[in-house]
């Protein structure tokens, strides 16, 4: 995790404020937005519709007078498990919405530290904890990217208090792990994982659970969320110049990681499970696995086991349209697939979260397959609903209504991950696929956090990459990701497609014996260039 010294962070904050990017500035007022145009009319139509859906789902909810990105479809509100992460993905288009989608939770936080599970048109909910992607992690990434010192301070205080609340009320068994009290705690609506357990805590009080002998449960995904949150708190403390507190958060994070691995992983099944109050594993192989990977709990060796036996296994989670919410070969898989079902359907939320772990574990080539199939399914349907059948790619109709924000974000985010440029904390990822259908006569431009613009122009059998108008590279032939610094300096070439790719790379202005080089890249291979 990249961190910045406090002095550098605050200097970045002042510089970005001068660009009009600080505190609540709308995208239209502050800068241009990302641009994607292509000769592929079908792809362009889906991309443009996704942006229109997201624009329509930017709304003002009760209690906070500033716009946030709501979930859309039948969900008229914003949920802690997904709303902050979704707004982070959307931030290049609406930085104000990303900021306020986080501040909503911090401003509605109770005095005892409890963050709301949601803020809806009908109510602000505190009847469950409902968390997946740590709000501390998304707040830190947003504050770091935009140099927003005020958001950093606010997020650090709020997320530290939230961690304290969870420690007080969600570790009743004294194990150090995080406990689940109800179905909505993990957002696993209609999942066999929670069969027989109430959706919500009694009297909408997340400090209590129903009087069932199997409750409370020790949950690997809830614990992973807190683990990821503590790592983010450590990074925030470092940026704030609080080294002692940073060390404290990292120590607590690593203790929790060890407990997840030692208590909630079953090696014979290559799966993470809940452990109920009677010390029995709830043996439903669900997307708990991908959530634990999303916070990078498994090391590389353990991930390889999960990947081979579960996540990339066509009989388990890797159906034609990955990733199923319950393994296809698990007896608990629910068919026929009902609406809003985490009992097997492939969920857009899982697809959107995949960007948090596929590249981290070196599975960029396989991610390209998943992204392609998702974009294909979306373009076939165009209703942008919540979930689809992992075997057929058919989206569920019925109660699952159109215009769901996560599905729209998948279409936009995957387009840039497939054929565009993505900005990291200290690097640019230029994803070049000259033969891809989304790259047909395509041009992209991405406003960067430092005020510069990165562009890609596809032509003939290659692409020209520019940064602030200066040519950075030309890539021809096969697919590859060029990794550069924020100044365009080359770092590495990565294989991002299955099989072997032959790539011709030209790095103008760099002192090499062969300015044009033809390279052979295997899937997921990383070739240093510096």
Protein backbone atom coordinates (compact mmCIF):
# COMPACT_ATOMS: atom_id res chain seq x y z
CA UNK A 1 0.00 0.00 0.00
CA UNK A 2 1.46 3.35 -1.08
CA UNK A 3 1.52 6.08 1.53
CA UNK A 4 2.60 9.71 1.51
CA UNK A 5 4.36 11.71 4.19
CA UNK A 6 2.05 14.31 5.72
CA UNK A 7 4.00 17.21 4.21
CA UNK A 8 3.79 15.76 0.68
CA UNK A 9 0.13 14.86 1.12
CA UNK A 10 -0.84 18.36 2.20
CA UNK A 11 1.26 19.87 -0.57
CA UNK A 12 -0.66 17.74 -3.05
CA UNK A 13 -3.90 18.92 -1.48
CA UNK A 14 -2.97 22.56 -2.01
CA UNK A 15 -1.93 21.95 -5.59
CA UNK A 16 -5.16 20.15 -6.44
CA UNK A 17 -7.20 22.84 -4.75
CA UNK A 18 -5.60 25.27 -7.17
CA UNK A 19 -6.95 23.13 -10.01
CA UNK A 20 -10.46 23.37 -8.61
CA UNK A 21 -10.51 19.77 -7.44
CA UNK A 22 -10.90 20.23 -3.71
CA UNK A 23 -13.99 19.82 -1.57
CA UNK A 24 -17.21 19.28 -3.45
CA UNK A 25 -16.34 20.73 -6.85
CA UNK A 26 -18.46 19.24 -9.61
CA UNK A 27 -16.79 17.52 -12.53
CA UNK A 28 -18.15 19.99 -15.07
CA UNK A 29 -16.78 22.92 -13.07
CA UNK A 30 -13.40 21.38 -12.36
CA UNK A 31 -12.15 19.60 -15.47
CA UNK A 32 -12.91 17.41 -18.41
CA UNK A 33 -14.16 13.87 -17.85
CA UNK A 34 -12.86 10.61 -19.32
CA UNK A 35 -13.71 10.21 -23.01
CA UNK A 36 -14.21 6.99 -24.95
CA UNK A 37 -15.25 6.92 -28.61
CA UNK A 38 -15.21 3.90 -30.88
CA UNK A 39 -16.31 2.85 -34.36
CA UNK A 40 -17.96 -0.18 -32.75
CA UNK A 41 -21.52 1.15 -32.58
CA UNK A 42 -22.75 -1.66 -30.34
CA UNK A 43 -20.03 -1.10 -27.75
CA UNK A 44 -20.45 2.68 -27.91
CA UNK A 45 -24.19 2.38 -27.36
CA UNK A 46 -23.72 0.22 -24.26
CA UNK A 47 -21.00 2.50 -22.88
CA UNK A 48 -23.06 5.65 -23.44
CA UNK A 49 -26.16 4.09 -21.92
CA UNK A 50 -24.16 3.05 -18.85
CA UNK A 51 -23.04 6.65 -18.35
CA UNK A 52 -26.60 7.89 -18.78
CA UNK A 53 -27.83 5.43 -16.14
CA UNK A 54 -25.15 6.56 -13.71
CA UNK A 55 -25.99 10.20 -14.33
CA UNK A 56 -29.65 9.44 -13.61
CA UNK A 57 -28.71 7.61 -10.42
CA UNK A 58 -26.92 10.63 -8.98
CA UNK A 59 -29.53 11.84 -6.51
CA UNK A 60 -30.00 13.71 -3.25
CA UNK A 61 -31.25 11.59 -0.34
CA UNK A 62 -32.76 12.61 3.01
CA UNK A 63 -30.53 14.13 5.72
CA UNK A 64 -27.64 15.11 3.38
CA UNK A 65 -28.27 17.90 0.90
CA UNK A 66 -25.57 16.87 -1.58
CA UNK A 67 -25.82 14.30 -4.40
CA UNK A 68 -24.62 10.72 -4.08
CA UNK A 69 -24.60 7.74 -6.44
CA UNK A 70 -27.50 5.49 -5.46
CA UNK A 71 -27.67 1.78 -6.22
CA UNK A 72 -30.46 2.20 -8.74
CA UNK A 73 -32.98 -0.36 -9.96
CA UNK A 74 -35.26 -1.13 -6.99
CA UNK A 75 -32.65 0.11 -4.51
CA UNK A 76 -33.37 3.75 -3.77
CA UNK A 77 -30.44 4.52 -1.57
CA UNK A 78 -26.78 4.02 -0.83
CA UNK A 79 -25.35 1.05 1.14
CA UNK A 80 -22.08 0.90 3.04
CA UNK A 81 -21.10 -2.44 1.50
CA UNK A 82 -20.97 -1.02 -2.02
CA UNK A 83 -21.86 2.69 -2.32
CA UNK A 84 -18.46 4.16 -1.40
CA UNK A 85 -16.66 1.70 -3.67
CA UNK A 86 -19.02 2.40 -6.56
CA UNK A 87 -18.52 6.13 -6.16
CA UNK A 88 -14.74 5.60 -6.14
CA UNK A 89 -14.97 3.81 -9.50
CA UNK A 90 -17.10 6.73 -10.75
CA UNK A 91 -14.88 9.45 -9.31
CA UNK A 92 -13.21 10.52 -12.55
CA UNK A 93 -16.64 11.49 -13.86
CA UNK A 94 -18.01 13.03 -10.66
CA UNK A 95 -15.39 13.69 -7.96
CA UNK A 96 -17.98 15.59 -5.90
CA UNK A 97 -20.28 12.57 -5.87
CA UNK A 98 -17.43 10.28 -4.82
CA UNK A 99 -16.58 12.57 -1.93
CA UNK A 100 -20.16 12.99 -0.74
CA UNK A 101 -20.93 9.28 -1.09
CA UNK A 102 -18.30 8.78 1.61
CA UNK A 103 -19.16 11.80 3.75
CA UNK A 104 -22.80 10.65 3.91
CA UNK A 105 -21.78 7.74 6.13
CA UNK A 106 -19.43 9.82 8.24
CA UNK A 107 -21.96 12.59 8.82
CA UNK A 108 -24.69 10.09 9.80
CA UNK A 109 -22.39 8.19 12.17
CA UNK A 110 -23.77 7.74 15.69
CA UNK A 111 -21.98 9.07 18.76
CA UNK A 112 -20.95 5.54 19.78
CA UNK A 113 -19.09 5.07 16.48
CA UNK A 114 -21.67 3.02 14.53
CA UNK A 115 -21.78 3.83 10.85
CA UNK A 116 -25.13 3.44 9.11
CA UNK A 117 -25.63 0.37 6.96
CA UNK A 118 -27.44 2.55 4.45
CA UNK A 119 -29.15 5.83 3.76
CA UNK A 120 -32.34 5.33 1.76
CA UNK A 121 -35.25 7.42 0.61
CA UNK A 122 -37.33 5.72 3.30
CA UNK A 123 -34.89 5.57 6.24
CA UNK A 124 -31.33 5.56 7.50
CA UNK A 125 -30.61 1.97 8.50
CA UNK A 126 -28.67 0.79 11.56
CA UNK A 127 -30.19 -2.71 11.79
CA UNK A 128 -27.15 -4.52 10.38
CA UNK A 129 -23.51 -3.71 9.67
CA UNK A 130 -23.68 -4.59 5.93
CA UNK A 131 -20.07 -4.17 4.87
CA UNK A 132 -17.89 -5.73 2.17
CA UNK A 133 -15.37 -3.32 0.62
CA UNK A 134 -13.93 -1.36 3.58
CA UNK A 135 -15.09 2.25 3.58
CA UNK A 136 -11.74 3.11 5.18
CA UNK A 137 -9.95 1.71 2.12
CA UNK A 138 -12.04 3.57 -0.45
CA UNK A 139 -11.91 6.81 1.57
CA UNK A 140 -8.12 6.54 1.81
CA UNK A 141 -7.76 5.91 -1.92
CA UNK A 142 -10.01 8.86 -2.74
CA UNK A 143 -8.27 11.24 -0.32
CA UNK A 144 -4.83 10.15 -1.52
CA UNK A 145 -5.73 10.54 -5.20
CA UNK A 146 -7.28 13.98 -4.79
CA UNK A 147 -5.00 15.30 -2.06
CA UNK A 148 -8.05 16.00 0.08
CA UNK A 149 -6.66 16.61 3.56
CA UNK A 150 -10.06 17.37 5.06
CA UNK A 151 -11.50 14.08 3.81
CA UNK A 152 -8.43 12.27 5.14
CA UNK A 153 -8.87 13.70 8.65
CA UNK A 154 -12.62 13.04 8.66
CA UNK A 155 -12.29 9.49 7.34
CA UNK A 156 -9.56 8.61 9.81
CA UNK A 157 -11.62 9.72 12.81
CA UNK A 158 -14.82 8.08 11.57
CA UNK A 159 -13.27 4.77 10.52
CA UNK A 160 -11.25 4.46 13.72
CA UNK A 161 -14.46 4.95 15.72
CA UNK A 162 -16.23 2.39 13.52
CA UNK A 163 -13.47 -0.14 14.17
CA UNK A 164 -13.95 0.50 17.89
CA UNK A 165 -17.69 -0.10 17.63
CA UNK A 166 -17.14 -3.38 15.79
CA UNK A 167 -14.61 -4.48 18.40
CA UNK A 168 -17.07 -3.76 21.23
CA UNK A 169 -20.21 -5.26 19.73
CA UNK A 170 -19.11 -7.79 17.12
CA UNK A 171 -16.60 -9.85 19.09
CA UNK A 172 -18.90 -11.21 21.79
CA UNK A 173 -17.10 -14.58 21.78
CA UNK A 174 -13.74 -12.91 22.44
CA UNK A 175 -12.00 -14.55 19.49
CA UNK A 176 -10.69 -11.39 17.86
CA UNK A 177 -12.67 -12.21 14.70
CA UNK A 178 -15.72 -10.30 13.46
CA UNK A 179 -19.14 -11.83 14.04
CA UNK A 180 -22.17 -11.98 11.77
CA UNK A 181 -25.58 -11.66 13.40
CA UNK A 182 -27.94 -11.65 10.39
CA UNK A 183 -28.19 -12.11 6.62
CA UNK A 184 -27.94 -8.42 5.79
CA UNK A 185 -24.64 -8.08 7.67
CA UNK A 186 -22.87 -9.44 4.58
CA UNK A 187 -25.48 -8.30 2.03
CA UNK A 188 -26.06 -11.92 1.04
CA UNK A 189 -29.77 -11.68 0.35
CA UNK A 190 -31.44 -15.04 -0.28
CA UNK A 191 -28.19 -16.99 0.14
CA UNK A 192 -28.15 -20.56 1.49
CA UNK A 193 -25.19 -19.41 3.56
CA UNK A 194 -27.67 -17.71 5.89
CA UNK A 195 -30.53 -20.25 5.69
CA UNK A 196 -32.70 -20.07 8.80
CA UNK A 197 -31.15 -16.80 10.03
CA UNK A 198 -33.21 -13.55 10.10
CA UNK A 199 -32.43 -10.91 7.51
CA UNK A 200 -31.98 -8.17 10.09
CA UNK A 201 -31.04 -7.85 13.75
CA UNK A 202 -33.87 -7.76 16.34
CA UNK A 203 -35.57 -4.36 16.57
CA UNK A 204 -33.11 -3.09 13.98
CA UNK A 205 -30.38 -3.03 16.62
CA UNK A 206 -27.10 -4.27 15.14
CA UNK A 207 -25.71 -4.87 18.65
CA UNK A 208 -28.10 -7.82 19.12
CA UNK A 209 -28.78 -11.10 17.35
CA UNK A 210 -31.71 -13.48 17.32
CA UNK A 211 -31.72 -16.12 20.12
CA UNK A 212 -30.53 -18.95 17.90
CA UNK A 213 -28.01 -21.53 19.17
CA UNK A 214 -25.86 -21.10 16.04
CA UNK A 215 -25.45 -17.33 16.48
CA UNK A 216 -23.24 -15.41 16.41
CA UNK A 217 -21.01 -16.66 13.62
CA UNK A 218 -17.36 -15.93 12.99
CA UNK A 219 -17.32 -14.61 9.42
CA UNK A 220 -14.25 -14.65 7.14
CA UNK A 221 -15.52 -11.89 4.84
CA UNK A 222 -16.56 -9.50 7.63
CA UNK A 223 -13.20 -10.13 9.29
CA UNK A 224 -11.42 -9.51 5.97
CA UNK A 225 -13.27 -6.21 5.62
CA UNK A 226 -12.01 -5.10 9.04
CA UNK A 227 -8.52 -6.33 8.15
CA UNK A 228 -8.53 -4.21 4.99
CA UNK A 229 -9.93 -1.28 6.95
CA UNK A 230 -7.12 -1.48 9.50
CA UNK A 231 -4.50 -1.50 6.78
CA UNK A 232 -6.11 1.62 5.33
CA UNK A 233 -6.19 3.22 8.78
CA UNK A 234 -2.47 2.53 9.07
CA UNK A 235 -1.87 4.25 5.73
CA UNK A 236 -4.00 7.22 6.76
CA UNK A 237 -2.18 7.52 10.08
CA UNK A 238 1.14 7.53 8.22
CA UNK A 239 -0.09 10.30 5.91
CA UNK A 240 -1.17 12.25 8.98
CA UNK A 241 2.25 11.87 10.57
CA UNK A 242 1.06 9.55 13.35
CA UNK A 243 3.62 6.75 13.17
CA UNK A 244 2.74 5.17 16.49
CA UNK A 245 -0.90 4.88 15.51
CA UNK A 246 0.07 3.50 12.11
CA UNK A 247 2.13 0.76 13.75
CA UNK A 248 -0.78 0.00 16.08
CA UNK A 249 -3.23 -0.44 13.17
CA UNK A 250 -0.84 -2.64 11.19
CA UNK A 251 -0.20 -4.85 14.21
CA UNK A 252 -3.93 -5.31 14.79
CA UNK A 253 -4.49 -5.97 11.09
CA UNK A 254 -1.88 -8.73 10.95
CA UNK A 255 -3.23 -10.38 14.09
CA UNK A 256 -6.69 -10.46 12.50
CA UNK A 257 -5.33 -11.86 9.24
CA UNK A 258 -3.68 -14.67 11.15
CA UNK A 259 -6.94 -15.50 12.92
CA UNK A 260 -8.86 -15.64 9.63
CA UNK A 261 -6.35 -18.07 8.15
CA UNK A 262 -6.01 -20.26 11.23
CA UNK A 263 -9.68 -20.46 12.25
CA UNK A 264 -11.86 -20.03 9.15
CA UNK A 265 -9.99 -21.76 6.31
CA UNK A 266 -10.62 -25.45 5.61
CA UNK A 267 -7.73 -26.77 3.55
CA UNK A 268 -9.42 -30.01 2.51
CA UNK A 269 -12.13 -27.97 0.77
CA UNK A 270 -9.90 -25.05 -0.25
CA UNK A 271 -12.60 -22.76 1.12
CA UNK A 272 -13.30 -20.18 3.81
CA UNK A 273 -16.43 -20.79 5.88
CA UNK A 274 -18.39 -19.22 8.71
CA UNK A 275 -17.88 -20.90 12.07
CA UNK A 276 -21.12 -20.93 14.03
CA UNK A 277 -21.59 -20.65 17.81
CA UNK A 278 -21.67 -24.44 18.12
CA UNK A 279 -18.23 -24.57 16.44
CA UNK A 280 -19.61 -26.04 13.24
CA UNK A 281 -18.53 -24.82 9.80
CA UNK A 282 -21.29 -23.55 7.50
CA UNK A 283 -20.08 -25.48 4.49
CA UNK A 284 -21.50 -23.43 1.64
CA UNK A 285 -18.84 -22.48 -0.89
CA UNK A 286 -19.81 -18.92 -1.71
CA UNK A 287 -18.31 -15.66 -2.92
CA UNK A 288 -16.86 -15.30 0.56
CA UNK A 289 -13.74 -16.61 -1.20
CA UNK A 290 -13.49 -13.68 -3.60
CA UNK A 291 -14.25 -11.21 -0.80
CA UNK A 292 -11.37 -12.53 1.28
CA UNK A 293 -9.14 -12.24 -1.79
CA UNK A 294 -10.43 -8.71 -2.33
CA UNK A 295 -8.63 -7.68 0.85
CA UNK A 296 -5.54 -9.74 -0.06
CA UNK A 297 -5.78 -12.00 2.97
CA UNK A 298 -4.36 -15.13 1.24
CA UNK A 299 -0.70 -15.11 0.27
CA UNK A 300 0.32 -16.19 -3.23
CA UNK A 301 0.62 -19.88 -2.36
CA UNK A 302 -2.79 -20.07 -0.71
CA UNK A 303 -4.37 -18.05 -3.49
CA UNK A 304 -3.08 -20.56 -6.04
CA UNK A 305 -4.97 -23.28 -4.16
CA UNK A 306 -8.17 -21.22 -4.12
CA UNK A 307 -7.71 -20.32 -7.77
CA UNK A 308 -7.10 -23.85 -9.03
CA UNK A 309 -9.69 -25.68 -6.96
CA UNK A 310 -12.43 -23.05 -6.71
CA UNK A 311 -12.28 -19.63 -8.33
CA UNK A 312 -10.99 -20.70 -11.77
CA UNK A 313 -12.54 -24.16 -11.69
CA UNK A 314 -15.27 -24.41 -14.41
CA UNK A 315 -17.16 -26.85 -12.18
CA UNK A 316 -17.18 -24.40 -9.26
CA UNK A 317 -17.10 -20.60 -9.73
CA UNK A 318 -15.70 -20.17 -13.24
CA UNK A 319 -18.76 -20.84 -15.37
CA UNK A 320 -19.11 -19.34 -18.84
CA UNK A 321 -20.05 -16.04 -17.13
CA UNK A 322 -17.94 -15.76 -13.96
CA UNK A 323 -18.13 -15.53 -10.99
CA UNK A 324 -21.05 -17.49 -9.50
CA UNK A 325 -22.13 -16.39 -6.01
CA UNK A 326 -22.32 -20.06 -4.90
CA UNK A 327 -20.19 -22.73 -6.54
CA UNK A 328 -21.97 -24.45 -9.41
CA UNK A 329 -21.12 -27.86 -7.93
CA UNK A 330 -22.21 -26.95 -4.40
CA UNK A 331 -25.43 -28.79 -3.41
CA UNK A 332 -26.75 -25.50 -2.02
CA UNK A 333 -26.74 -23.73 -5.43
CA UNK A 334 -30.27 -22.35 -5.90
CA UNK A 335 -32.13 -23.18 -9.12
CA UNK A 336 -34.19 -21.92 -10.78
CA UNK A 337 -32.45 -18.61 -10.13
CA UNK A 338 -34.77 -16.15 -8.35
CA UNK A 339 -34.46 -12.37 -8.27
CA UNK A 340 -31.87 -10.78 -5.97
CA UNK A 341 -30.22 -14.11 -5.25
CA UNK A 342 -26.78 -14.63 -3.77
CA UNK A 343 -27.52 -18.33 -3.97
CA UNK A 344 -25.71 -18.85 -7.27
CA UNK A 345 -26.40 -16.00 -9.68
CA UNK A 346 -23.45 -14.07 -11.05
CA UNK A 347 -23.69 -10.65 -9.43
CA UNK A 348 -22.57 -7.32 -10.90
CA UNK A 349 -21.22 -6.31 -7.49
CA UNK A 350 -18.83 -9.27 -7.53
CA UNK A 351 -17.73 -8.34 -11.06
CA UNK A 352 -17.10 -4.74 -10.03
CA UNK A 353 -15.04 -5.83 -7.01
CA UNK A 354 -12.89 -8.15 -9.13
CA UNK A 355 -10.59 -5.29 -10.07
CA UNK A 356 -9.46 -5.21 -6.44
CA UNK A 357 -7.77 -8.61 -6.60
CA UNK A 358 -7.29 -10.16 -10.06
CA UNK A 359 -4.27 -8.04 -10.99
CA UNK A 360 -2.94 -8.17 -7.45
CA UNK A 361 -2.63 -11.94 -7.69
CA UNK A 362 -1.22 -11.87 -11.22
CA UNK A 363 -4.32 -13.10 -13.05
CA UNK A 364 -4.75 -10.27 -15.56
CA UNK A 365 -5.11 -12.62 -18.54
CA UNK A 366 -7.97 -14.55 -16.99
CA UNK A 367 -9.57 -11.28 -15.91
CA UNK A 368 -9.70 -10.28 -19.58
CA UNK A 369 -11.84 -13.33 -20.29
CA UNK A 370 -14.25 -12.48 -17.49
CA UNK A 371 -14.45 -8.83 -18.56
CA UNK A 372 -15.15 -9.78 -22.15
CA UNK A 373 -17.98 -12.13 -21.22
CA UNK A 374 -19.58 -9.57 -18.90
CA UNK A 375 -19.48 -6.86 -21.57
CA UNK A 376 -20.90 -9.31 -24.11
CA UNK A 377 -23.79 -10.19 -21.81
CA UNK A 378 -24.55 -6.55 -21.05
CA UNK A 379 -24.60 -5.64 -24.74
CA UNK A 380 -26.90 -8.55 -25.50
CA UNK A 381 -29.44 -7.45 -22.89
CA UNK A 382 -28.92 -3.67 -22.45
CA UNK A 383 -31.31 -3.45 -19.48
CA UNK A 384 -28.46 -3.23 -16.93
CA UNK A 385 -29.97 -5.49 -14.30
CA UNK A 386 -28.41 -6.84 -11.12
CA UNK A 387 -27.49 -10.46 -11.87
CA UNK A 388 -27.29 -13.15 -14.50
CA UNK A 389 -27.18 -16.91 -14.87
CA UNK A 390 -23.50 -17.98 -14.70
CA UNK A 391 -24.11 -20.65 -17.34
CA UNK A 392 -26.14 -18.72 -19.93
CA UNK A 393 -25.40 -15.04 -19.31
CA UNK A 394 -29.13 -14.28 -19.23
CA UNK A 395 -29.98 -11.48 -16.83
CA UNK A 396 -32.74 -12.08 -14.29
CA UNK A 397 -35.88 -10.07 -14.95
CA UNK A 398 -38.92 -10.05 -12.69
CA UNK A 399 -38.24 -8.08 -9.51
CA UNK A 400 -34.72 -7.18 -10.69
CA UNK A 401 -35.45 -3.93 -12.48
CA UNK A 402 -33.24 -2.13 -15.06
CA UNK A 403 -30.74 0.68 -14.49
CA UNK A 404 -28.64 -0.88 -11.72
CA UNK A 405 -25.55 1.25 -11.00
CA UNK A 406 -23.06 -1.61 -10.41
CA UNK A 407 -23.82 -3.14 -13.82
CA UNK A 408 -23.41 0.26 -15.50
CA UNK A 409 -20.12 0.72 -13.68
CA UNK A 410 -18.95 -2.72 -14.82
CA UNK A 411 -19.52 -1.68 -18.45
CA UNK A 412 -17.58 1.56 -18.01
CA UNK A 413 -14.80 0.22 -15.77
CA UNK A 414 -14.23 -2.89 -17.88
CA UNK A 415 -14.01 -0.81 -21.07
CA UNK A 416 -11.09 1.14 -19.62
CA UNK A 417 -9.47 -1.97 -18.18
CA UNK A 418 -9.74 -3.74 -21.53
CA UNK A 419 -8.58 -1.07 -24.02
CA UNK A 420 -7.87 2.10 -22.03
CA UNK A 421 -5.56 3.62 -19.47
CA UNK A 422 -6.08 3.34 -15.71
CA UNK A 423 -4.42 5.54 -13.09
CA UNK A 424 -2.94 4.00 -9.96
CA UNK A 425 -1.48 5.76 -6.93
CA UNK A 426 1.96 6.03 -8.53
CA UNK A 427 1.60 4.50 -12.00
CA UNK A 428 -0.34 4.39 -15.25
CA UNK A 429 -1.60 1.11 -16.70
CA UNK A 430 -1.95 1.36 -20.48
CA UNK A 431 -4.12 -1.62 -21.53
CA UNK A 432 -3.50 -2.06 -25.26
CA UNK A 433 -5.49 -4.63 -27.22
CA UNK A 434 -5.30 -3.63 -30.92
CA UNK A 435 -7.46 -6.52 -32.12
CA UNK A 436 -10.18 -6.15 -29.51
CA UNK A 437 -13.71 -5.25 -30.62
CA UNK A 438 -13.75 -2.31 -28.19
CA UNK A 439 -10.63 -0.88 -29.88
CA UNK A 440 -12.06 -0.44 -33.37
CA UNK A 441 -11.03 3.08 -34.44
CA UNK A 442 -11.09 3.95 -30.76
CA UNK A 443 -9.82 7.06 -28.99
CA UNK A 444 -9.65 7.56 -25.24
CA UNK A 445 -8.58 10.43 -23.01
CA UNK A 446 -8.18 10.28 -19.23
CA UNK A 447 -7.74 13.40 -17.06
CA UNK A 448 -5.15 12.51 -14.45
CA UNK A 449 -5.09 13.59 -10.83
CA UNK A 450 -2.09 15.85 -11.48
CA UNK A 451 -3.93 17.84 -14.16
CA UNK A 452 -2.31 16.16 -17.15
CA UNK A 453 -4.21 14.08 -19.71
CA UNK A 454 -3.36 10.58 -20.91
CA UNK A 455 -4.64 9.56 -24.37
CA UNK A 456 -4.72 6.45 -26.54
CA UNK A 457 -5.46 6.44 -30.26
CA UNK A 458 -5.96 3.07 -31.97
CA UNK A 459 -5.13 2.88 -35.65
CA UNK A 460 -4.26 0.13 -38.09
CA UNK A 461 -2.83 -2.71 -35.96
CA UNK A 462 -1.62 -0.71 -33.02
CA UNK A 463 -2.05 2.25 -30.71
CA UNK A 464 -0.27 5.53 -29.97
CA UNK A 465 0.01 6.47 -26.29
CA UNK A 466 0.43 10.11 -25.28
CA UNK A 467 0.79 11.94 -21.99
CA UNK A 468 0.17 15.71 -21.93
CA UNK A 469 0.49 15.66 -25.71
CA UNK A 470 3.89 13.93 -25.69
CA UNK A 471 4.18 10.52 -27.29
CA UNK A 472 5.00 7.90 -24.66
CA UNK A 473 4.91 4.72 -26.72
CA UNK A 474 3.56 2.90 -29.72
CA UNK A 475 2.32 -0.65 -29.31
CA UNK A 476 1.55 -2.88 -32.29
CA UNK A 477 0.52 -6.48 -32.84
CA UNK A 478 -0.67 -8.39 -29.80
CA UNK A 479 -2.16 -7.32 -26.51
CA UNK A 480 -0.11 -6.02 -23.60
CA UNK A 481 -0.24 -3.65 -20.64
CA UNK A 482 2.48 -1.03 -20.57
CA UNK A 483 3.23 0.05 -17.02
CA UNK A 484 4.67 3.54 -16.70
CA UNK A 485 5.27 6.13 -14.03
CA UNK A 486 3.04 9.18 -13.87
CA UNK A 487 5.65 10.92 -16.06
CA UNK A 488 5.36 8.23 -18.73
CA UNK A 489 8.68 6.52 -17.92
CA UNK A 490 8.47 2.82 -18.86
CA UNK A 491 8.52 0.25 -16.09
CA UNK A 492 7.19 -3.09 -17.36
CA UNK A 493 5.17 -4.90 -19.99
CA UNK A 494 2.51 -7.35 -18.78
CA UNK A 495 0.80 -10.19 -20.63
CA UNK A 496 -2.94 -9.53 -20.31
CA UNK A 497 -4.42 -12.17 -22.63
CA UNK A 498 -4.43 -15.98 -22.50
CA UNK A 499 -1.81 -17.56 -24.69
CA UNK A 500 1.32 -16.03 -26.19
CA UNK A 501 1.30 -12.49 -27.62
CA UNK A 502 3.86 -10.98 -29.99
CA UNK A 503 4.14 -7.26 -29.37
CA UNK A 504 6.15 -4.58 -31.13
CA UNK A 505 7.04 -1.78 -28.72
CA UNK A 506 8.45 1.62 -29.64
CA UNK A 507 9.56 3.93 -26.83
CA UNK A 508 10.54 7.22 -28.48
CA UNK A 509 13.17 9.29 -26.73
CA UNK A 510 14.48 6.43 -24.61
CA UNK A 511 18.14 5.44 -25.01
CA UNK A 512 18.02 1.83 -26.05
CA UNK A 513 19.95 -0.19 -28.59
CA UNK A 514 16.72 -1.06 -30.35
CA UNK A 515 14.06 1.69 -30.07
CA UNK A 516 11.62 -0.71 -31.80
CA UNK A 517 11.55 -4.09 -30.12
CA UNK A 518 9.47 -7.14 -30.91
CA UNK A 519 8.74 -9.02 -27.71
CA UNK A 520 7.00 -12.27 -26.88
CA UNK A 521 4.75 -12.23 -23.82
CA UNK A 522 3.14 -15.16 -22.07
CA UNK A 523 -0.13 -14.83 -20.17
CA UNK A 524 0.43 -12.87 -16.93
CA UNK A 525 4.16 -12.51 -17.60
CA UNK A 526 5.72 -9.30 -16.29
CA UNK A 527 8.71 -8.10 -18.32
CA UNK A 528 10.74 -5.26 -16.73
CA UNK A 529 11.60 -2.35 -19.03
CA UNK A 530 13.34 0.10 -16.71
